[in-house]
PDB file of N, CA and C in Angstrom:
ATOM      1  N   MET A   1       0.816  -1.312  -0.302  1.00  0.00           N
ATOM      2  CA  MET A   1      -0.071   0.283   0.362  1.00  0.00           C
ATOM      3  C   MET A   1       0.485   1.116  -0.030  1.00  0.00           C
ATOM      4  N   GLU A   2       0.819   2.520  -0.536  1.00  0.00           N
ATOM      5  CA  GLU A   2       1.617   3.320  -0.860  1.00  0.00           C
ATOM      6  C   GLU A   2       1.180   5.040  -0.504  1.00  0.00           C
ATOM      7  N   LYS A   3       1.650   5.441  -0.336  1.00  0.00           N
ATOM      8  CA  LYS A   3       0.551   7.102  -0.233  1.00  0.00           C
ATOM      9  C   LYS A   3       1.775   7.823  -0.946  1.00  0.00           C
ATOM     10  N   TYR A   4       1.578   8.962  -1.488  1.00  0.00           N
ATOM     11  CA  TYR A   4       2.169  10.913  -1.631  1.00  0.00           C
ATOM     12  C   TYR A   4       1.966  11.377  -0.414  1.00  0.00           C
ATOM     13  N   LEU A   5       3.333  11.777  -0.197  1.00  0.00           N
ATOM     14  CA  LEU A   5       3.252  12.559   1.412  1.00  0.00           C
ATOM     15  C   LEU A   5       2.272  13.791   0.838  1.00  0.00           C
ATOM     16  N   THR A   6       1.551  14.231   1.464  1.00  0.00           N
ATOM     17  CA  THR A   6       1.004  15.658   1.251  1.00  0.00           C
ATOM     18  C   THR A   6       1.735  16.831   1.667  1.00  0.00           C
ATOM     19  N   LYS A   7       1.262  18.149   2.559  1.00  0.00           N
ATOM     20  CA  LYS A   7       2.153  19.351   3.085  1.00  0.00           C
ATOM     21  C   LYS A   7       1.494  18.743   4.808  1.00  0.00           C
ATOM     22  N   ASN A   8       0.499  18.246   5.135  1.00  0.00           N
ATOM     23  CA  ASN A   8       0.037  17.828   6.579  1.00  0.00           C
ATOM     24  C   ASN A   8       0.989  16.858   7.077  1.00  0.00           C
ATOM     25  N   ASP A   9       0.769  15.895   5.823  1.00  0.00           N
ATOM     26  CA  ASP A   9       1.487  14.641   6.444  1.00  0.00           C
ATOM     27  C   ASP A   9       3.531  14.591   6.657  1.00  0.00           C
ATOM     28  N   VAL A  10       4.130  15.954   6.386  1.00  0.00           N
ATOM     29  CA  VAL A  10       5.801  15.918   6.590  1.00  0.00           C
ATOM     30  C   VAL A  10       5.420  16.898   7.595  1.00  0.00           C
ATOM     31  N   GLY A  11       4.050  17.715   7.442  1.00  0.00           N
ATOM     32  CA  GLY A  11       4.262  19.009   9.074  1.00  0.00           C
ATOM     33  C   GLY A  11       3.527  19.083   9.793  1.00  0.00           C
ATOM     34  N   ARG A  12       2.368  18.287   9.818  1.00  0.00           N
ATOM     35  CA  ARG A  12       2.023  17.912  11.735  1.00  0.00           C
ATOM     36  C   ARG A  12       1.699  16.258  11.860  1.00  0.00           C
ATOM     37  N   LYS A  13       1.114  15.647  10.847  1.00  0.00           N
ATOM     38  CA  LYS A  13       1.251  13.510  10.739  1.00  0.00           C
ATOM     39  C   LYS A  13       0.621  13.663   9.883  1.00  0.00           C
ATOM     40  N   PHE A  14       0.752  12.266   9.778  1.00  0.00           N
ATOM     41  CA  PHE A  14       0.474  11.254   8.884  1.00  0.00           C
ATOM     42  C   PHE A  14      -1.430  10.640   8.056  1.00  0.00           C
ATOM     43  N   SER A  15      -1.436  11.396   7.732  1.00  0.00           N
ATOM     44  CA  SER A  15      -2.880  11.136   7.512  1.00  0.00           C
ATOM     45  C   SER A  15      -2.697   9.836   6.703  1.00  0.00           C
ATOM     46  N   VAL A  16      -3.115   8.743   7.478  1.00  0.00           N
ATOM     47  CA  VAL A  16      -3.126   6.927   6.940  1.00  0.00           C
ATOM     48  C   VAL A  16      -4.433   6.918   6.424  1.00  0.00           C
ATOM     49  N   PRO A  17      -4.405   5.757   5.082  1.00  0.00           N
ATOM     50  CA  PRO A  17      -5.016   5.610   4.098  1.00  0.00           C
ATOM     51  C   PRO A  17      -5.888   5.066   4.502  1.00  0.00           C
ATOM     52  N   ALA A  18      -7.329   5.385   5.016  1.00  0.00           N
ATOM     53  CA  ALA A  18      -8.537   4.690   5.531  1.00  0.00           C
ATOM     54  C   ALA A  18      -8.866   3.115   5.029  1.00  0.00           C
ATOM     55  N   GLY A  19      -8.196   2.537   4.289  1.00  0.00           N
ATOM     56  CA  GLY A  19      -7.262   1.311   3.627  1.00  0.00           C
ATOM     57  C   GLY A  19      -6.553   0.454   4.017  1.00  0.00           C
ATOM     58  N   TRP A  20      -5.817   1.057   4.599  1.00  0.00           N
ATOM     59  CA  TRP A  20      -4.770   1.205   5.487  1.00  0.00           C
ATOM     60  C   TRP A  20      -5.503  -0.092   7.095  1.00  0.00           C
ATOM     61  N   LEU A  21      -6.383   0.488   7.140  1.00  0.00           N
ATOM     62  CA  LEU A  21      -6.988  -0.613   8.498  1.00  0.00           C
ATOM     63  C   LEU A  21      -6.800  -2.011   8.411  1.00  0.00           C
ATOM     64  N   ARG A  22      -7.385  -1.809   6.890  1.00  0.00           N
ATOM     65  CA  ARG A  22      -7.760  -3.679   7.262  1.00  0.00           C
ATOM     66  C   ARG A  22      -5.861  -4.026   7.414  1.00  0.00           C
ATOM     67  N   ILE A  23      -5.056  -3.634   6.921  1.00  0.00           N
ATOM     68  CA  ILE A  23      -3.619  -4.633   7.304  1.00  0.00           C
ATOM     69  C   ILE A  23      -3.337  -4.306   8.529  1.00  0.00           C
ATOM     70  N   LEU A  24      -3.526  -2.893   9.276  1.00  0.00           N
ATOM     71  CA  LEU A  24      -2.756  -2.584  10.336  1.00  0.00           C
ATOM     72  C   LEU A  24      -3.340  -3.472  11.933  1.00  0.00           C
ATOM     73  N   PRO A  25      -2.964  -3.141  12.543  1.00  0.00           N
ATOM     74  CA  PRO A  25      -3.548  -4.192  14.059  1.00  0.00           C
ATOM     75  C   PRO A  25      -4.542  -2.965  14.981  1.00  0.00           C
ATOM     76  N   GLU A  26      -5.136  -4.688  15.283  1.00  0.00           N
ATOM     77  CA  GLU A  26      -6.542  -4.234  15.557  1.00  0.00           C
ATOM     78  C   GLU A  26      -6.892  -2.730  16.403  1.00  0.00           C
ATOM     79  N   PHE A  27      -7.398  -2.435  16.671  1.00  0.00           N
ATOM     80  CA  PHE A  27      -7.932  -1.115  17.911  1.00  0.00           C
ATOM     81  C   PHE A  27      -8.549  -2.326  19.152  1.00  0.00           C
ATOM     82  N   ARG A  28      -8.260  -2.671  20.097  1.00  0.00           N
ATOM     83  CA  ARG A  28      -9.216  -3.710  21.019  1.00  0.00           C
ATOM     84  C   ARG A  28      -9.498  -2.731  21.713  1.00  0.00           C
ATOM     85  N   GLU A  29      -8.959  -1.844  22.983  1.00  0.00           N
ATOM     86  CA  GLU A  29      -9.361  -1.064  23.623  1.00  0.00           C
ATOM     87  C   GLU A  29      -8.385   0.562  23.672  1.00  0.00           C
ATOM     88  N   GLY A  30      -9.018   1.154  23.556  1.00  0.00           N
ATOM     89  CA  GLY A  30      -8.904   2.341  22.499  1.00  0.00           C
ATOM     90  C   GLY A  30      -8.953   2.860  21.200  1.00  0.00           C
ATOM     91  N   HIS A  31      -8.193   3.900  21.452  1.00  0.00           N
ATOM     92  CA  HIS A  31      -8.472   4.492  20.282  1.00  0.00           C
ATOM     93  C   HIS A  31      -6.751   4.933  19.392  1.00  0.00           C
ATOM     94  N   GLU A  32      -6.209   3.947  19.986  1.00  0.00           N
ATOM     95  CA  GLU A  32      -4.211   4.177  19.685  1.00  0.00           C
ATOM     96  C   GLU A  32      -3.785   2.531  19.612  1.00  0.00           C
ATOM     97  N   VAL A  33      -3.091   2.627  18.438  1.00  0.00           N
ATOM     98  CA  VAL A  33      -2.236   0.937  18.020  1.00  0.00           C
ATOM     99  C   VAL A  33      -0.586   1.444  17.898  1.00  0.00           C
ATOM    100  N   VAL A  34      -0.039   0.290  18.110  1.00  0.00           N
ATOM    101  CA  VAL A  34       1.331   0.856  18.229  1.00  0.00           C
ATOM    102  C   VAL A  34       1.750   0.259  17.121  1.00  0.00           C
ATOM    103  N   VAL A  35       2.307   0.498  16.246  1.00  0.00           N
ATOM    104  CA  VAL A  35       2.793  -0.651  14.491  1.00  0.00           C
ATOM    105  C   VAL A  35       4.289  -0.246  14.637  1.00  0.00           C
ATOM    106  N   ARG A  36       4.320  -1.617  14.291  1.00  0.00           N
ATOM    107  CA  ARG A  36       5.890  -1.531  14.664  1.00  0.00           C
ATOM    108  C   ARG A  36       6.719  -1.718  13.111  1.00  0.00           C
ATOM    109  N   ALA A  37       7.423  -0.973  12.210  1.00  0.00           N
ATOM    110  CA  ALA A  37       7.762  -1.466  11.372  1.00  0.00           C
ATOM    111  C   ALA A  37       9.006  -1.283  11.291  1.00  0.00           C
ATOM    112  N   LEU A  38       9.790  -2.316  10.348  1.00  0.00           N
ATOM    113  CA  LEU A  38      11.751  -1.858   9.700  1.00  0.00           C
ATOM    114  C   LEU A  38      11.374  -1.687   8.176  1.00  0.00           C
ATOM    115  N   ASP A  39      12.476  -0.311   8.406  1.00  0.00           N
ATOM    116  CA  ASP A  39      12.536   0.365   7.253  1.00  0.00           C
ATOM    117  C   ASP A  39      12.821  -0.274   6.338  1.00  0.00           C
ATOM    118  N   GLY A  40      13.435   0.681   5.317  1.00  0.00           N
ATOM    119  CA  GLY A  40      14.742  -0.437   4.318  1.00  0.00           C
ATOM    120  C   GLY A  40      16.043  -0.112   4.731  1.00  0.00           C
ATOM    121  N   LYS A  41      15.888   0.408   5.400  1.00  0.00           N
ATOM    122  CA  LYS A  41      17.357  -0.265   6.007  1.00  0.00           C
ATOM    123  C   LYS A  41      18.302  -0.955   7.307  1.00  0.00           C
ATOM    124  N   GLY A  42      17.154  -0.620   7.690  1.00  0.00           N
ATOM    125  CA  GLY A  42      17.316  -1.750   8.807  1.00  0.00           C
ATOM    126  C   GLY A  42      16.976  -1.195   9.702  1.00  0.00           C
ATOM    127  N   PHE A  43      16.282  -0.087  10.109  1.00  0.00           N
ATOM    128  CA  PHE A  43      16.091   0.269  11.176  1.00  0.00           C
ATOM    129  C   PHE A  43      14.441  -0.493  11.621  1.00  0.00           C
ATOM    130  N   TYR A  44      14.289   0.244  12.939  1.00  0.00           N
ATOM    131  CA  TYR A  44      12.654  -0.659  13.386  1.00  0.00           C
ATOM    132  C   TYR A  44      11.887   0.331  13.921  1.00  0.00           C
ATOM    133  N   TRP A  45      11.246   1.482  13.900  1.00  0.00           N
ATOM    134  CA  TRP A  45      10.376   2.271  14.048  1.00  0.00           C
ATOM    135  C   TRP A  45       8.676   1.842  14.457  1.00  0.00           C
ATOM    136  N   ALA A  46       7.824   2.407  15.883  1.00  0.00           N
ATOM    137  CA  ALA A  46       7.081   2.540  16.850  1.00  0.00           C
ATOM    138  C   ALA A  46       6.160   3.579  16.191  1.00  0.00           C
ATOM    139  N   PHE A  47       5.241   3.704  15.191  1.00  0.00           N
ATOM    140  CA  PHE A  47       3.974   4.072  14.752  1.00  0.00           C
ATOM    141  C   PHE A  47       3.216   4.652  15.594  1.00  0.00           C
ATOM    142  N   TYR A  48       3.084   5.238  16.355  1.00  0.00           N
ATOM    143  CA  TYR A  48       1.066   5.174  17.223  1.00  0.00           C
ATOM    144  C   TYR A  48       0.561   5.666  16.502  1.00  0.00           C
ATOM    145  N   CYS A  49      -0.623   4.733  16.150  1.00  0.00           N
ATOM    146  CA  CYS A  49      -1.513   5.048  15.456  1.00  0.00           C
ATOM    147  C   CYS A  49      -3.549   5.491  15.731  1.00  0.00           C
ATOM    148  N   ALA A  50      -3.370   6.282  15.531  1.00  0.00           N
ATOM    149  CA  ALA A  50      -4.995   7.026  16.264  1.00  0.00           C
ATOM    150  C   ALA A  50      -5.698   6.898  15.685  1.00  0.00           C
ATOM    151  N   ILE A  51      -7.110   6.239  16.036  1.00  0.00           N
ATOM    152  CA  ILE A  51      -8.520   6.777  15.164  1.00  0.00           C
ATOM    153  C   ILE A  51      -9.106   7.394  16.530  1.00  0.00           C
ATOM    154  N   ARG A  52     -10.233   7.951  15.528  1.00  0.00           N
ATOM    155  CA  ARG A  52     -11.396   9.107  16.147  1.00  0.00           C
ATOM    156  C   ARG A  52     -12.015   7.635  16.818  1.00  0.00           C
ATOM    157  N   GLU A  53     -12.539   7.945  18.526  1.00  0.00           N
ATOM    158  CA  GLU A  53     -13.504   7.504  19.523  1.00  0.00           C
ATOM    159  C   GLU A  53     -14.918   7.285  18.403  1.00  0.00           C
ATOM    160  N   ARG A  54     -14.930   8.486  18.281  1.00  0.00           N
ATOM    161  CA  ARG A  54     -16.991   8.844  17.445  1.00  0.00           C
ATOM    162  C   ARG A  54     -16.598   8.522  16.592  1.00  0.00           C
ATOM    163  N   GLY A  55     -18.058   8.968  15.546  1.00  0.00           N
ATOM    164  CA  GLY A  55     -18.477   8.961  14.525  1.00  0.00           C
ATOM    165  C   GLY A  55     -17.786   8.370  12.941  1.00  0.00           C
ATOM    166  N   ARG A  56     -18.195   8.743  12.204  1.00  0.00           N
ATOM    167  CA  ARG A  56     -18.980   7.615  11.053  1.00  0.00           C
ATOM    168  C   ARG A  56     -17.291   7.129  10.664  1.00  0.00           C
ATOM    169  N   TYR A  57     -16.656   8.111  10.370  1.00  0.00           N
ATOM    170  CA  TYR A  57     -15.022   8.229   9.696  1.00  0.00           C
ATOM    171  C   TYR A  57     -14.252   7.897  11.063  1.00  0.00           C
ATOM    172  N   LYS A  58     -13.530   6.926  11.209  1.00  0.00           N
ATOM    173  CA  LYS A  58     -12.145   7.069  11.712  1.00  0.00           C
ATOM    174  C   LYS A  58     -11.046   8.083  11.874  1.00  0.00           C
ATOM    175  N   LYS A  59     -10.753   8.135  10.316  1.00  0.00           N
ATOM    176  CA  LYS A  59      -9.614   8.800  10.135  1.00  0.00           C
ATOM    177  C   LYS A  59      -8.647   8.660  10.916  1.00  0.00           C
ATOM    178  N   PRO A  60      -7.656   7.951  10.727  1.00  0.00           N
ATOM    179  CA  PRO A  60      -6.380   7.901  11.319  1.00  0.00           C
ATOM    180  C   PRO A  60      -5.185   8.197  10.555  1.00  0.00           C
ATOM    181  N   VAL A  61      -4.921   8.675  11.683  1.00  0.00           N
ATOM    182  CA  VAL A  61      -3.165   9.495  11.573  1.00  0.00           C
ATOM    183  C   VAL A  61      -1.788   8.520  12.686  1.00  0.00           C
ATOM    184  N   PHE A  62      -0.802   8.582  11.523  1.00  0.00           N
ATOM    185  CA  PHE A  62       0.373   8.233  12.459  1.00  0.00           C
ATOM    186  C   PHE A  62       0.406   9.543  13.662  1.00  0.00           C
ATOM    187  N   GLN A  63       0.832   9.395  14.552  1.00  0.00           N
ATOM    188  CA  GLN A  63       1.215  11.111  15.958  1.00  0.00           C
ATOM    189  C   GLN A  63       1.848  11.290  15.348  1.00  0.00           C
ATOM    190  N   SER A  64       2.023  12.664  15.501  1.00  0.00           N
ATOM    191  CA  SER A  64       4.044  13.264  15.368  1.00  0.00           C
ATOM    192  C   SER A  64       5.052  12.360  16.389  1.00  0.00           C
ATOM    193  N   ARG A  65       4.996  12.375  16.898  1.00  0.00           N
ATOM    194  CA  ARG A  65       5.779  11.746  18.001  1.00  0.00           C
ATOM    195  C   ARG A  65       7.145  11.381  17.557  1.00  0.00           C
ATOM    196  N   GLU A  66       6.471   9.959  17.048  1.00  0.00           N
ATOM    197  CA  GLU A  66       7.911   9.004  15.810  1.00  0.00           C
ATOM    198  C   GLU A  66       7.627   9.927  14.736  1.00  0.00           C
ATOM    199  N   TRP A  67       6.706   9.630  14.004  1.00  0.00           N
ATOM    200  CA  TRP A  67       6.712  10.347  12.160  1.00  0.00           C
ATOM    201  C   TRP A  67       8.044  11.419  11.948  1.00  0.00           C
ATOM    202  N   PHE A  68       7.776  12.511  12.830  1.00  0.00           N
ATOM    203  CA  PHE A  68       8.676  13.729  12.910  1.00  0.00           C
ATOM    204  C   PHE A  68       9.806  12.667  12.642  1.00  0.00           C
ATOM    205  N   LYS A  69      10.434  11.909  13.353  1.00  0.00           N
ATOM    206  CA  LYS A  69      11.771  11.444  13.824  1.00  0.00           C
ATOM    207  C   LYS A  69      11.988  10.996  12.184  1.00  0.00           C
ATOM    208  N   PHE A  70      11.138  10.012  11.640  1.00  0.00           N
ATOM    209  CA  PHE A  70      11.629   9.119  10.092  1.00  0.00           C
ATOM    210  C   PHE A  70      11.080  10.107   9.150  1.00  0.00           C
ATOM    211  N   VAL A  71      10.677  11.232   8.955  1.00  0.00           N
ATOM    212  CA  VAL A  71      10.410  12.049   8.235  1.00  0.00           C
ATOM    213  C   VAL A  71      11.713  13.359   8.467  1.00  0.00           C
ATOM    214  N   ASN A  72      12.841  13.810   9.425  1.00  0.00           N
ATOM    215  CA  ASN A  72      13.790  14.096   8.927  1.00  0.00           C
ATOM    216  C   ASN A  72      14.715  13.422   8.669  1.00  0.00           C
ATOM    217  N   GLN A  73      14.898  12.249   9.967  1.00  0.00           N
ATOM    218  CA  GLN A  73      15.797  11.393   9.521  1.00  0.00           C
ATOM    219  C   GLN A  73      15.584  10.810   7.496  1.00  0.00           C
ATOM    220  N   LYS A  74      14.801  10.965   6.802  1.00  0.00           N
ATOM    221  CA  LYS A  74      14.374  10.090   5.917  1.00  0.00           C
ATOM    222  C   LYS A  74      14.387  11.827   4.830  1.00  0.00           C
ATOM    223  N   GLY A  75      14.434  12.741   5.091  1.00  0.00           N
ATOM    224  CA  GLY A  75      14.480  14.092   4.753  1.00  0.00           C
ATOM    225  C   GLY A  75      13.453  13.858   3.847  1.00  0.00           C
ATOM    226  N   LEU A  76      12.306  13.840   4.122  1.00  0.00           N
ATOM    227  CA  LEU A  76      10.994  13.374   3.528  1.00  0.00           C
ATOM    228  C   LEU A  76      10.069  14.827   3.091  1.00  0.00           C
ATOM    229  N   LYS A  77       9.560  14.835   1.745  1.00  0.00           N
ATOM    230  CA  LYS A  77       8.962  16.416   1.460  1.00  0.00           C
ATOM    231  C   LYS A  77       7.965  15.975   1.169  1.00  0.00           C
ATOM    232  N   VAL A  78       6.875  17.658   0.304  1.00  0.00           N
ATOM    233  CA  VAL A  78       5.678  16.689  -0.090  1.00  0.00           C
ATOM    234  C   VAL A  78       6.266  15.934  -1.637  1.00  0.00           C
ATOM    235  N   GLY A  79       5.039  14.913  -1.680  1.00  0.00           N
ATOM    236  CA  GLY A  79       5.180  14.554  -2.914  1.00  0.00           C
ATOM    237  C   GLY A  79       6.417  13.419  -2.948  1.00  0.00           C
ATOM    238  N   ASP A  80       6.846  12.983  -2.226  1.00  0.00           N
ATOM    239  CA  ASP A  80       7.851  11.563  -1.560  1.00  0.00           C
ATOM    240  C   ASP A  80       7.261  10.732  -1.616  1.00  0.00           C
ATOM    241  N   LYS A  81       7.198   9.259  -1.388  1.00  0.00           N
ATOM    242  CA  LYS A  81       6.040   8.140  -1.274  1.00  0.00           C
ATOM    243  C   LYS A  81       6.152   7.114  -0.015  1.00  0.00           C
ATOM    244  N   ILE A  82       5.676   6.730   1.462  1.00  0.00           N
ATOM    245  CA  ILE A  82       5.157   6.171   1.233  1.00  0.00           C
ATOM    246  C   ILE A  82       5.172   4.584   0.979  1.00  0.00           C
ATOM    247  N   VAL A  83       5.665   3.383   1.428  1.00  0.00           N
ATOM    248  CA  VAL A  83       4.768   2.342   1.282  1.00  0.00           C
ATOM    249  C   VAL A  83       5.144   1.607   1.870  1.00  0.00           C
ATOM    250  N   LEU A  84       3.917   0.517   3.030  1.00  0.00           N
ATOM    251  CA  LEU A  84       4.178  -0.411   3.910  1.00  0.00           C
ATOM    252  C   LEU A  84       2.964  -1.186   3.213  1.00  0.00           C
ATOM    253  N   CYS A  85       3.781  -2.417   4.449  1.00  0.00           N
ATOM    254  CA  CYS A  85       3.516  -3.862   3.469  1.00  0.00           C
ATOM    255  C   CYS A  85       3.367  -4.446   4.643  1.00  0.00           C
ATOM    256  N   GLU A  86       2.628  -5.684   4.900  1.00  0.00           N
ATOM    257  CA  GLU A  86       2.658  -6.509   5.935  1.00  0.00           C
ATOM    258  C   GLU A  86       3.011  -7.706   5.240  1.00  0.00           C
ATOM    259  N   GLU A  87       3.784  -8.467   6.431  1.00  0.00           N
ATOM    260  CA  GLU A  87       4.122  -9.821   5.965  1.00  0.00           C
ATOM    261  C   GLU A  87       3.982 -10.451   7.045  1.00  0.00           C
ATOM    262  N   GLU A  88       3.184 -11.893   6.980  1.00  0.00           N
ATOM    263  CA  GLU A  88       2.836 -13.082   8.135  1.00  0.00           C
ATOM    264  C   GLU A  88       4.443 -14.161   8.140  1.00  0.00           C
ATOM    265  N   ASP A  89       4.568 -14.143   9.752  1.00  0.00           N
ATOM    266  CA  ASP A  89       5.377 -14.668  10.005  1.00  0.00           C
ATOM    267  C   ASP A  89       4.837 -15.745  11.151  1.00  0.00           C
ATOM    268  N   LEU A  90       4.674 -16.686  10.702  1.00  0.00           N
ATOM    269  CA  LEU A  90       3.816 -17.587  11.347  1.00  0.00           C
ATOM    270  C   LEU A  90       4.466 -18.058  12.967  1.00  0.00           C
ATOM    271  N   PHE A  91       6.228 -17.891  12.954  1.00  0.00           N
ATOM    272  CA  PHE A  91       6.391 -17.747  14.460  1.00  0.00           C
ATOM    273  C   PHE A  91       6.946 -16.513  15.507  1.00  0.00           C
ATOM    274  N   ARG A  92       6.818 -15.502  14.547  1.00  0.00           N
ATOM    275  CA  ARG A  92       6.510 -14.040  15.087  1.00  0.00           C
ATOM    276  C   ARG A  92       5.247 -13.313  15.293  1.00  0.00           C
ATOM    277  N   GLY A  93       4.319 -13.644  14.592  1.00  0.00           N
ATOM    278  CA  GLY A  93       3.389 -13.153  13.879  1.00  0.00           C
ATOM    279  C   GLY A  93       3.631 -11.892  12.979  1.00  0.00           C
ATOM    280  N   THR A  94       2.803 -11.183  12.598  1.00  0.00           N
ATOM    281  CA  THR A  94       2.576  -9.755  11.501  1.00  0.00           C
ATOM    282  C   THR A  94       3.734  -9.003  12.072  1.00  0.00           C
ATOM    283  N   LYS A  95       4.310  -8.405  11.040  1.00  0.00           N
ATOM    284  CA  LYS A  95       5.438  -7.948  11.111  1.00  0.00           C
ATOM    285  C   LYS A  95       4.840  -6.762   9.649  1.00  0.00           C
ATOM    286  N   TYR A  96       5.443  -5.398   9.757  1.00  0.00           N
ATOM    287  CA  TYR A  96       5.587  -4.734   8.458  1.00  0.00           C
ATOM    288  C   TYR A  96       6.589  -3.975   8.329  1.00  0.00           C
ATOM    289  N   ARG A  97       6.681  -3.401   7.138  1.00  0.00           N
ATOM    290  CA  ARG A  97       8.115  -2.722   6.170  1.00  0.00           C
ATOM    291  C   ARG A  97       7.411  -1.131   5.683  1.00  0.00           C
ATOM    292  N   ILE A  98       8.194  -0.637   6.066  1.00  0.00           N
ATOM    293  CA  ILE A  98       7.370   0.365   5.604  1.00  0.00           C
ATOM    294  C   ILE A  98       9.097   1.140   5.564  1.00  0.00           C
ATOM    295  N   ARG A  99       9.065   1.964   4.364  1.00  0.00           N
ATOM    296  CA  ARG A  99       9.721   2.329   2.287  1.00  0.00           C
ATOM    297  C   ARG A  99       9.446   3.432   2.320  1.00  0.00           C
ATOM    298  N   ALA A 100      10.574   4.371   2.882  1.00  0.00           N
ATOM    299  CA  ALA A 100       9.999   5.655   1.895  1.00  0.00           C
ATOM    300  C   ALA A 100      11.057   6.876   0.904  1.00  0.00           C
ATOM    301  N   GLN A 101      10.408   6.512   0.133  1.00  0.00           N
ATOM    302  CA  GLN A 101      11.036   7.179  -1.456  1.00  0.00           C
ATOM    303  C   GLN A 101      11.161   8.034  -2.031  1.00  0.00           C
ATOM    304  N   LYS A 102      12.060   8.564  -2.887  1.00  0.00           N
ATOM    305  CA  LYS A 102      12.197   9.682  -3.612  1.00  0.00           C
ATOM    306  C   LYS A 102      12.272   9.475  -4.989  1.00  0.00           C
ATOM    307  N   CYS A 103      11.552  10.436  -5.810  1.00  0.00           N
ATOM    308  CA  CYS A 103      11.647   9.865  -7.100  1.00  0.00           C
ATOM    309  C   CYS A 103      13.258  10.367  -7.574  1.00  0.00           C
ATOM    310  N   ILE A 104      13.736   9.359  -8.786  1.00  0.00           N
ATOM    311  CA  ILE A 104      15.290  10.349  -9.465  1.00  0.00           C
ATOM    312  C   ILE A 104      14.678  11.074 -11.010  1.00  0.00           C
ATOM    313  N   GLY A 105      13.529  10.163 -11.441  1.00  0.00           N
ATOM    314  CA  GLY A 105      13.592  10.458 -12.708  1.00  0.00           C
ATOM    315  C   GLY A 105      11.698  10.234 -12.599  1.00  0.00           C
ATOM    316  N   GLU A 106      11.786  10.299 -14.308  1.00  0.00           N
ATOM    317  CA  GLU A 106      10.051   9.796 -14.375  1.00  0.00           C
ATOM    318  C   GLU A 106       9.785   8.259 -14.229  1.00  0.00           C
ATOM    319  N   GLY A 107       8.789   8.083 -13.203  1.00  0.00           N
ATOM    320  CA  GLY A 107       8.531   7.094 -12.893  1.00  0.00           C
ATOM    321  C   GLY A 107       9.365   5.497 -12.338  1.00  0.00           C
ATOM    322  N   LEU A 108      10.614   6.340 -11.432  1.00  0.00           N
ATOM    323  CA  LEU A 108      12.171   5.748 -10.970  1.00  0.00           C
ATOM    324  C   LEU A 108      11.929   6.783  -9.617  1.00  0.00           C
ATOM    325  N   TRP A 109      12.060   5.428  -8.503  1.00  0.00           N
ATOM    326  CA  TRP A 109      11.279   5.492  -6.920  1.00  0.00           C
ATOM    327  C   TRP A 109      12.943   5.230  -6.254  1.00  0.00           C
ATOM    328  N   VAL A 110      13.340   5.901  -5.582  1.00  0.00           N
ATOM    329  CA  VAL A 110      14.748   5.051  -4.387  1.00  0.00           C
ATOM    330  C   VAL A 110      14.166   5.071  -3.258  1.00  0.00           C
ATOM    331  N   ASP A 111      14.250   4.354  -2.502  1.00  0.00           N
ATOM    332  CA  ASP A 111      14.519   4.262  -1.466  1.00  0.00           C
ATOM    333  C   ASP A 111      15.181   5.519  -0.526  1.00  0.00           C
ATOM    334  N   VAL A 112      14.821   5.819   0.713  1.00  0.00           N
ATOM    335  CA  VAL A 112      16.347   6.609   1.780  1.00  0.00           C
ATOM    336  C   VAL A 112      16.484   6.152   2.714  1.00  0.00           C
TER     337      VAL A 112
END
């Protein structure tokens, strides 16, 4: 699953596409879960994903605390791309991989 970054994503918090909720951990108690993801460089990140407790639309977001560290370390800007993948591991359970990508030419993306 992928998303192109917006001004809000790089300046405030990452607006998670609603379709991503089907691969993220369940919100069992409360309105926040931790999404632990391995990036393309081998670093683990713990993103705090929150949803609205009321209302028809959940409006999921990665809270700013860990997200800003990720944005700054990767040097992300508007138009860059985030790719999130779910990987099933029968021994350890579901794992996530997150890739930050920058465009280096027409249709050519590279992990940062």
